[in-house]
Amino acid sequence: MKLTHVFTSILLVIASTSCIQDEALNVEAAIDGCSGANIQLLNINEISREIDIYVFDGANTAAQELNFELPEGASIVPDKKEAGDNPPYYDFSTQTQRNFTVTSEDGNNHSTYTLNMYKIKLPLEYSFENLREINPYHILYITDINGIMQWASGNPGYKLCGMAKSAEDYPTVQTSGGKEGKCITLTTRSTGSFGSMTKMPIAAGNLFVGSFDATNAVIAPLQATQFGFTFTRKPIRMTGYYKYKAGDVFTDKAGQVVSGKTDTGDIYAVLYEAPTSDFSLDGDLFTPGNEKAQHIVALARIEKTIETDQWTSFDLPFEPQNGKTIDEDGLKNGKYKLAVVFSSSIRGAYFEGAVGSQLQIDEVKIECEEEN
């Protein structure tokens, strides 16, 4: 009897060991994220498998640090090795566009990503004429003599709710009929049953200088929006044109009607201290007591968007914040960032607003002190 028990135990050990050995290896081959010194912005397009990396204008791209976030067990290599490559440092000094291939843990799946490296100064004029692509939503970009900078929006997050049947159904789209040429149209949309389940009943149309992390869109939506890009000039004012129409029914985060309350849009730009290249303000920046908000140096913000179907000008001076002044050396060394933000619902980040609220923006300019 005892011998039988011993034999049975041995079989169980062998069986469990076999199960461990036969456990399936990971089949994913993707780039989930990337970090590194000097990286100011990162935009990953999983559809085209293209990654835009924006670095400070003075960065040394001959040895750019790239710490890739990969699925468990996956590996990555550049398709063509450059002289300065020494992972995690890669040489983009002669080739600003390079291909990298990810191989899954099981070795059977491969994905090739195109990485675009941009050394760029943030432009000062925005006309919203440039569409990079429409798949499945509109992606706009800002042109600069050194390349392009992609505008960020919450469109990737809205994709999760499955409400959009076309690119025009998303909260942020490019449309005709601008002050000059085309413009950007931001509309607060319903998120349907998905929103009811996640307590995110609306999605405000928004557009901003920064990046949107779709992986955090549900679990940490305020932190999914990362505002700002390195700025080396002293901003004086932000000007431009807008139209606004509030939606009919204002609702709270629970989707309940708030009687007597009318929606309004938001237009602002904020200059803030960035102690590190990866530091950024997020969607929670105006919450009282927010520690990150203490880094704000100057703010230009509209008091209220009036309802108008005519292009209406705005002229917003940058006002000092937190008793701070701009440090000249810090400015030259890239220690400040500027965020430019537009939203169809001022409380949209907290899922409060009115479905149908619409803000149109065009011909925006940032006026700065002349550089010495």
Protein backbone atom coordinates (compact mmCIF):
# COMPACT_ATOMS: atom_id res chain seq x y z
CA MET A 1 0.00 0.00 0.00
CA LYS A 2 2.79 2.36 0.93
CA LEU A 3 4.59 1.50 -2.33
CA THR A 4 1.43 2.37 -4.24
CA HIS A 5 1.28 5.76 -2.52
CA VAL A 6 4.91 6.45 -3.40
CA PHE A 7 4.35 5.45 -7.03
CA THR A 8 1.27 7.68 -7.24
CA SER A 9 3.19 10.62 -5.80
CA ILE A 10 5.96 10.18 -8.36
CA LEU A 11 3.42 10.18 -11.17
CA LEU A 12 1.87 13.39 -9.84
CA VAL A 13 5.27 15.10 -9.67
CA ILE A 14 6.08 14.01 -13.22
CA ALA A 15 2.70 15.19 -14.45
CA SER A 16 2.97 18.59 -12.77
CA THR A 17 6.52 19.05 -14.04
CA SER A 18 5.35 18.20 -17.56
CA CYS A 19 2.58 20.81 -17.29
CA ILE A 20 5.09 23.47 -16.29
CA GLN A 21 7.41 22.52 -19.15
CA ASP A 22 4.56 22.48 -21.65
CA GLU A 23 3.19 25.89 -20.62
CA ALA A 24 2.64 27.89 -23.79
CA LEU A 25 5.20 30.57 -24.58
CA ASN A 26 3.99 34.10 -25.21
CA VAL A 27 2.98 34.72 -28.84
CA GLU A 28 2.78 38.55 -28.69
CA ALA A 29 5.14 40.66 -30.78
CA ALA A 30 4.53 44.36 -30.17
CA ILE A 31 6.01 47.56 -28.75
CA ASP A 32 3.82 48.66 -25.84
CA GLY A 33 5.85 51.73 -24.89
CA CYS A 34 9.27 53.34 -24.90
CA SER A 35 11.15 55.65 -22.55
CA GLY A 36 14.56 57.28 -22.41
CA ALA A 37 16.47 60.46 -21.66
CA ASN A 38 15.49 63.49 -23.79
CA ILE A 39 12.23 61.93 -25.02
CA GLN A 40 9.58 64.63 -24.77
CA LEU A 41 6.71 62.93 -26.57
CA LEU A 42 5.96 59.48 -27.89
CA ASN A 43 3.11 58.52 -30.23
CA ILE A 44 2.53 54.86 -31.11
CA ASN A 45 0.22 53.97 -34.00
CA GLU A 46 -0.56 50.26 -33.64
CA ILE A 47 -2.42 50.19 -36.94
CA SER A 48 0.47 51.39 -39.12
CA ARG A 49 3.09 50.20 -36.60
CA GLU A 50 4.74 53.58 -36.68
CA ILE A 51 6.24 55.34 -33.67
CA ASP A 52 7.02 59.06 -33.56
CA ILE A 53 9.64 60.03 -30.99
CA TYR A 54 10.14 63.72 -30.26
CA VAL A 55 13.27 64.90 -28.50
CA PHE A 56 14.56 68.27 -27.31
CA ASP A 57 16.13 70.27 -30.12
CA GLY A 58 19.59 70.04 -28.53
CA ALA A 59 19.49 66.28 -27.85
CA ASN A 60 22.32 63.98 -28.96
CA THR A 61 20.53 61.53 -31.23
CA ALA A 62 23.76 59.66 -32.00
CA ALA A 63 23.19 57.87 -28.69
CA GLN A 64 19.45 58.10 -28.00
CA GLU A 65 18.31 55.97 -25.09
CA LEU A 66 15.34 53.75 -25.96
CA ASN A 67 13.98 51.45 -23.27
CA PHE A 68 11.32 49.41 -25.04
CA GLU A 69 8.29 47.98 -23.23
CA LEU A 70 7.68 44.57 -24.78
CA PRO A 71 5.37 41.61 -24.09
CA GLU A 72 6.80 38.97 -21.75
CA GLY A 73 9.74 37.14 -23.30
CA ALA A 74 9.75 39.19 -26.54
CA SER A 75 12.95 40.61 -28.01
CA ILE A 76 13.74 43.54 -30.31
CA VAL A 77 16.55 44.39 -32.72
CA PRO A 78 17.08 47.10 -35.34
CA ASP A 79 16.78 45.81 -38.90
CA LYS A 80 20.04 47.55 -39.78
CA LYS A 81 22.75 48.20 -37.19
CA GLU A 82 24.29 51.67 -37.07
CA ALA A 83 27.81 52.46 -35.91
CA GLY A 84 26.72 54.09 -32.68
CA ASP A 85 24.26 51.40 -31.58
CA ASN A 86 24.89 50.08 -28.08
CA PRO A 87 21.51 48.98 -26.67
CA PRO A 88 19.63 50.59 -25.04
CA TYR A 89 21.34 53.46 -26.93
CA TYR A 90 20.71 53.75 -30.65
CA ASP A 91 22.21 55.96 -33.35
CA PHE A 92 19.74 58.18 -35.20
CA SER A 93 22.32 60.79 -36.24
CA THR A 94 22.34 59.86 -39.95
CA GLN A 95 19.06 57.96 -40.27
CA THR A 96 16.12 59.65 -38.54
CA GLN A 97 13.82 56.82 -39.62
CA ARG A 98 14.75 53.27 -38.63
CA ASN A 99 12.97 49.92 -38.57
CA PHE A 100 12.95 47.64 -35.52
CA THR A 101 11.60 44.08 -35.45
CA VAL A 102 10.00 42.51 -32.40
CA THR A 103 10.03 38.71 -32.06
CA SER A 104 7.60 36.93 -29.75
CA GLU A 105 8.81 34.66 -26.95
CA ASP A 106 7.83 31.55 -28.90
CA GLY A 107 9.79 32.81 -31.93
CA ASN A 108 6.89 32.38 -34.33
CA ASN A 109 5.58 35.94 -34.58
CA HIS A 110 7.37 39.04 -35.81
CA SER A 111 6.31 42.68 -36.04
CA THR A 112 8.31 45.43 -37.70
CA TYR A 113 7.89 49.00 -36.44
CA THR A 114 9.10 52.18 -38.10
CA LEU A 115 10.61 54.63 -35.61
CA ASN A 116 10.75 58.31 -36.61
CA MET A 117 13.09 60.50 -34.56
CA TYR A 118 12.31 64.23 -34.53
CA LYS A 119 14.45 67.00 -33.07
CA ILE A 120 12.02 69.86 -33.08
CA LYS A 121 11.12 73.23 -31.60
CA LEU A 122 7.46 73.70 -30.87
CA PRO A 123 5.99 75.90 -33.65
CA LEU A 124 4.07 79.04 -32.71
CA GLU A 125 1.24 79.03 -35.29
CA TYR A 126 -1.50 76.41 -35.69
CA SER A 127 -3.91 76.39 -38.63
CA PHE A 128 -5.10 72.74 -38.48
CA GLU A 129 -4.70 72.23 -42.22
CA ASN A 130 -2.61 69.07 -42.03
CA LEU A 131 -4.15 65.63 -41.69
CA ARG A 132 -1.63 62.88 -41.28
CA GLU A 133 -4.13 60.06 -41.70
CA ILE A 134 -7.76 59.03 -41.24
CA ASN A 135 -7.58 55.47 -39.93
CA PRO A 136 -9.81 54.99 -38.06
CA TYR A 137 -9.87 58.59 -36.76
CA HIS A 138 -8.33 61.93 -37.73
CA ILE A 139 -4.72 62.52 -36.69
CA LEU A 140 -3.46 66.06 -37.23
CA TYR A 141 0.07 67.35 -37.16
CA ILE A 142 2.02 70.58 -36.88
CA THR A 143 4.71 71.27 -39.46
CA ASP A 144 8.19 72.53 -38.59
CA ILE A 145 11.34 72.97 -40.66
CA ASN A 146 12.81 69.91 -38.91
CA GLY A 147 9.81 67.64 -39.33
CA ILE A 148 6.30 67.19 -38.01
CA MET A 149 4.71 67.07 -34.59
CA GLN A 150 1.52 65.13 -34.06
CA TRP A 151 -1.36 66.71 -32.20
CA ALA A 152 -2.76 64.44 -29.48
CA SER A 153 -6.42 63.81 -28.74
CA GLY A 154 -8.66 61.42 -26.85
CA ASN A 155 -9.77 59.73 -30.08
CA PRO A 156 -7.82 56.51 -29.29
CA GLY A 157 -9.73 56.25 -26.02
CA TYR A 158 -13.08 56.84 -27.71
CA LYS A 159 -12.33 53.95 -30.06
CA LEU A 160 -12.73 51.60 -27.08
CA CYS A 161 -16.46 52.34 -26.71
CA GLY A 162 -17.24 51.21 -30.27
CA MET A 163 -19.69 54.05 -30.93
CA ALA A 164 -17.99 55.52 -34.03
CA LYS A 165 -19.03 54.19 -37.42
CA SER A 166 -16.68 56.51 -39.31
CA ALA A 167 -13.83 58.96 -38.66
CA GLU A 168 -16.34 61.81 -38.56
CA ASP A 169 -18.13 60.16 -35.59
CA TYR A 170 -15.13 60.66 -33.31
CA PRO A 171 -14.95 63.59 -30.86
CA THR A 172 -12.00 65.26 -32.63
CA VAL A 173 -12.09 65.83 -36.39
CA GLN A 174 -10.79 68.21 -39.02
CA THR A 175 -13.57 70.02 -40.91
CA SER A 176 -13.99 72.61 -43.63
CA GLY A 177 -15.33 76.13 -43.08
CA GLY A 178 -12.54 77.43 -40.88
CA LYS A 179 -11.63 81.04 -40.34
CA GLU A 180 -9.12 80.33 -43.09
CA GLY A 181 -9.18 77.00 -44.89
CA LYS A 182 -9.95 74.13 -42.54
CA CYS A 183 -10.36 74.03 -38.76
CA ILE A 184 -10.59 71.59 -35.89
CA THR A 185 -14.05 70.61 -34.63
CA LEU A 186 -14.37 69.16 -31.12
CA THR A 187 -17.68 67.54 -30.13
CA THR A 188 -18.75 65.98 -26.84
CA ARG A 189 -20.01 62.47 -27.64
CA SER A 190 -21.91 59.76 -25.80
CA THR A 191 -19.91 56.62 -24.97
CA GLY A 192 -23.02 54.41 -24.94
CA SER A 193 -23.24 51.21 -22.90
CA PHE A 194 -19.46 51.11 -22.51
CA GLY A 195 -19.61 54.48 -20.77
CA SER A 196 -22.46 53.42 -18.52
CA MET A 197 -20.50 50.37 -17.42
CA THR A 198 -17.25 52.28 -16.79
CA LYS A 199 -18.92 55.43 -15.37
CA MET A 200 -17.54 57.44 -18.27
CA PRO A 201 -20.79 58.49 -19.98
CA ILE A 202 -19.30 61.14 -22.26
CA ALA A 203 -16.12 61.86 -24.17
CA ALA A 204 -15.31 65.51 -24.79
CA GLY A 205 -13.64 66.44 -28.03
CA ASN A 206 -10.13 67.59 -27.24
CA LEU A 207 -6.88 68.47 -28.94
CA PHE A 208 -3.60 69.20 -27.21
CA VAL A 209 0.16 69.40 -27.48
CA GLY A 210 1.29 66.23 -25.77
CA SER A 211 0.45 62.55 -25.96
CA PHE A 212 -2.42 60.23 -25.10
CA ASP A 213 -1.80 56.87 -23.43
CA ALA A 214 -4.67 54.65 -24.54
CA THR A 215 -3.58 51.88 -22.13
CA ASN A 216 -4.60 54.17 -19.25
CA ALA A 217 -7.80 55.46 -20.86
CA VAL A 218 -10.05 53.34 -18.62
CA ILE A 219 -8.03 52.62 -15.48
CA ALA A 220 -6.53 56.13 -15.05
CA PRO A 221 -8.16 58.49 -17.58
CA LEU A 222 -6.83 61.73 -16.07
CA GLN A 223 -3.28 60.42 -16.32
CA ALA A 224 -3.82 59.18 -19.90
CA THR A 225 -3.48 62.75 -21.18
CA GLN A 226 0.12 63.96 -20.96
CA PHE A 227 0.36 67.69 -21.71
CA GLY A 228 3.26 69.71 -23.05
CA PHE A 229 6.47 69.86 -25.05
CA THR A 230 9.81 71.52 -24.35
CA PHE A 231 9.66 75.29 -24.88
CA THR A 232 12.62 77.69 -24.90
CA ARG A 233 10.86 81.04 -25.38
CA LYS A 234 8.94 83.40 -23.09
CA PRO A 235 5.25 83.32 -24.09
CA ILE A 236 3.30 86.59 -23.88
CA ARG A 237 -0.16 85.70 -25.21
CA MET A 238 -2.19 83.17 -27.17
CA THR A 239 -4.59 84.39 -29.85
CA GLY A 240 -6.99 82.70 -32.24
CA TYR A 241 -10.62 82.20 -33.26
CA TYR A 242 -13.43 79.96 -32.07
CA LYS A 243 -17.10 79.07 -32.44
CA TYR A 244 -19.09 77.38 -29.68
CA LYS A 245 -22.47 75.74 -29.18
CA ALA A 246 -23.38 74.05 -25.88
CA GLY A 247 -25.24 70.74 -25.90
CA ASP A 248 -28.82 70.63 -24.68
CA VAL A 249 -28.54 68.48 -21.53
CA PHE A 250 -25.72 68.67 -18.97
CA THR A 251 -25.00 65.40 -17.14
CA ASP A 252 -22.68 64.39 -14.30
CA LYS A 253 -20.22 61.48 -14.11
CA ALA A 254 -23.08 59.13 -13.26
CA GLY A 255 -24.92 60.23 -16.39
CA GLN A 256 -27.57 62.01 -14.34
CA VAL A 257 -29.09 65.26 -15.61
CA VAL A 258 -27.90 68.39 -13.77
CA SER A 259 -30.70 70.91 -14.10
CA GLY A 260 -29.89 74.56 -14.64
CA LYS A 261 -26.29 73.93 -15.69
CA THR A 262 -24.95 74.85 -19.14
CA ASP A 263 -21.79 73.44 -20.69
CA THR A 264 -18.84 75.57 -21.81
CA GLY A 265 -15.67 74.83 -23.71
CA ASP A 266 -12.07 75.38 -22.66
CA ILE A 267 -9.12 77.07 -24.37
CA TYR A 268 -5.80 77.45 -22.58
CA ALA A 269 -2.02 77.30 -22.74
CA VAL A 270 0.24 76.65 -19.77
CA LEU A 271 3.99 77.07 -19.31
CA TYR A 272 5.41 74.87 -16.58
CA GLU A 273 8.67 73.68 -15.05
CA ALA A 274 9.81 70.23 -16.18
CA PRO A 275 12.47 68.91 -13.78
CA THR A 276 13.04 65.89 -16.05
CA SER A 277 12.42 65.26 -19.76
CA ASP A 278 9.66 62.75 -19.02
CA PHE A 279 7.82 65.01 -16.56
CA SER A 280 4.47 66.31 -17.79
CA LEU A 281 1.22 67.73 -16.50
CA ASP A 282 -1.87 65.59 -16.98
CA GLY A 283 -5.65 65.95 -17.12
CA ASP A 284 -5.81 66.56 -13.38
CA LEU A 285 -3.80 69.79 -13.44
CA PHE A 286 -6.61 72.10 -12.25
CA THR A 287 -7.69 70.01 -9.27
CA PRO A 288 -7.06 71.94 -6.02
CA GLY A 289 -4.08 70.56 -4.14
CA ASN A 290 -2.59 68.80 -7.16
CA GLU A 291 1.16 68.70 -6.51
CA LYS A 292 2.05 68.79 -10.20
CA ALA A 293 0.11 72.05 -10.60
CA GLN A 294 2.70 73.73 -8.39
CA HIS A 295 5.07 73.55 -11.36
CA ILE A 296 2.88 75.92 -13.43
CA VAL A 297 4.69 79.20 -14.15
CA ALA A 298 2.26 81.01 -16.46
CA LEU A 299 -1.27 80.40 -17.70
CA ALA A 300 -3.31 81.84 -20.58
CA ARG A 301 -6.95 80.69 -20.31
CA ILE A 302 -10.26 81.87 -21.66
CA GLU A 303 -12.75 82.91 -18.96
CA LYS A 304 -15.70 81.39 -20.78
CA THR A 305 -16.58 80.37 -24.33
CA ILE A 306 -19.71 82.28 -25.33
CA GLU A 307 -22.17 80.59 -27.67
CA THR A 308 -21.63 81.92 -31.17
CA ASP A 309 -21.93 80.65 -34.74
CA GLN A 310 -19.54 83.34 -35.99
CA TRP A 311 -15.77 83.14 -35.79
CA THR A 312 -14.93 85.03 -32.59
CA SER A 313 -11.43 86.12 -31.67
CA PHE A 314 -9.71 85.43 -28.37
CA ASP A 315 -6.62 87.13 -26.95
CA LEU A 316 -5.33 85.47 -23.79
CA PRO A 317 -2.33 86.93 -21.93
CA PHE A 318 -0.03 84.59 -20.01
CA GLU A 319 -0.49 85.39 -16.32
CA PRO A 320 2.12 84.42 -13.68
CA GLN A 321 1.16 81.50 -11.43
CA ASN A 322 2.32 80.20 -8.05
CA GLY A 323 4.47 83.29 -7.49
CA LYS A 324 6.98 81.97 -10.03
CA THR A 325 9.18 83.72 -12.57
CA ILE A 326 10.95 82.23 -15.59
CA ASP A 327 14.60 81.30 -15.08
CA GLU A 328 16.58 82.36 -18.18
CA ASP A 329 19.16 79.56 -17.93
CA GLY A 330 16.48 76.95 -17.32
CA LEU A 331 14.58 78.19 -20.35
CA LYS A 332 17.64 77.85 -22.60
CA ASN A 333 18.40 74.38 -21.25
CA GLY A 334 14.95 72.96 -21.93
CA LYS A 335 13.66 72.94 -18.35
CA TYR A 336 10.22 74.28 -19.30
CA LYS A 337 7.34 72.85 -21.30
CA LEU A 338 4.35 74.46 -22.98
CA ALA A 339 0.95 72.81 -23.29
CA VAL A 340 -1.79 74.08 -25.61
CA VAL A 341 -5.20 72.55 -24.90
CA PHE A 342 -8.72 72.78 -26.39
CA SER A 343 -11.85 70.95 -25.16
CA SER A 344 -15.55 71.00 -26.06
CA SER A 345 -16.51 70.53 -22.38
CA ILE A 346 -14.53 72.24 -19.63
CA ARG A 347 -15.28 69.38 -17.21
CA GLY A 348 -14.91 66.71 -19.86
CA ALA A 349 -11.87 65.17 -18.17
CA TYR A 350 -14.18 64.35 -15.25
CA PHE A 351 -16.90 63.05 -17.63
CA GLU A 352 -19.21 65.98 -16.92
CA GLY A 353 -20.75 67.93 -19.79
CA ALA A 354 -23.42 67.91 -22.47
CA VAL A 355 -23.53 65.56 -25.43
CA GLY A 356 -23.49 67.67 -28.58
CA SER A 357 -21.40 70.54 -27.18
CA GLN A 358 -19.17 71.70 -30.02
CA LEU A 359 -16.06 73.87 -30.08
CA GLN A 360 -14.36 74.88 -33.32
CA ILE A 361 -10.86 76.36 -33.29
CA ASP A 362 -8.71 77.97 -35.98
CA GLU A 363 -5.69 80.21 -36.61
CA VAL A 364 -4.08 79.98 -33.18
CA LYS A 365 -0.80 81.79 -32.45
CA ILE A 366 1.57 81.94 -29.48
CA GLU A 367 3.24 85.35 -29.23
CA CYS A 368 6.61 85.38 -27.45
CA GLU A 369 9.26 87.85 -26.39
CA GLU A 370 11.92 88.31 -29.02
CA GLU A 371 14.92 86.05 -28.51
CA ASN A 372 18.24 87.75 -27.84
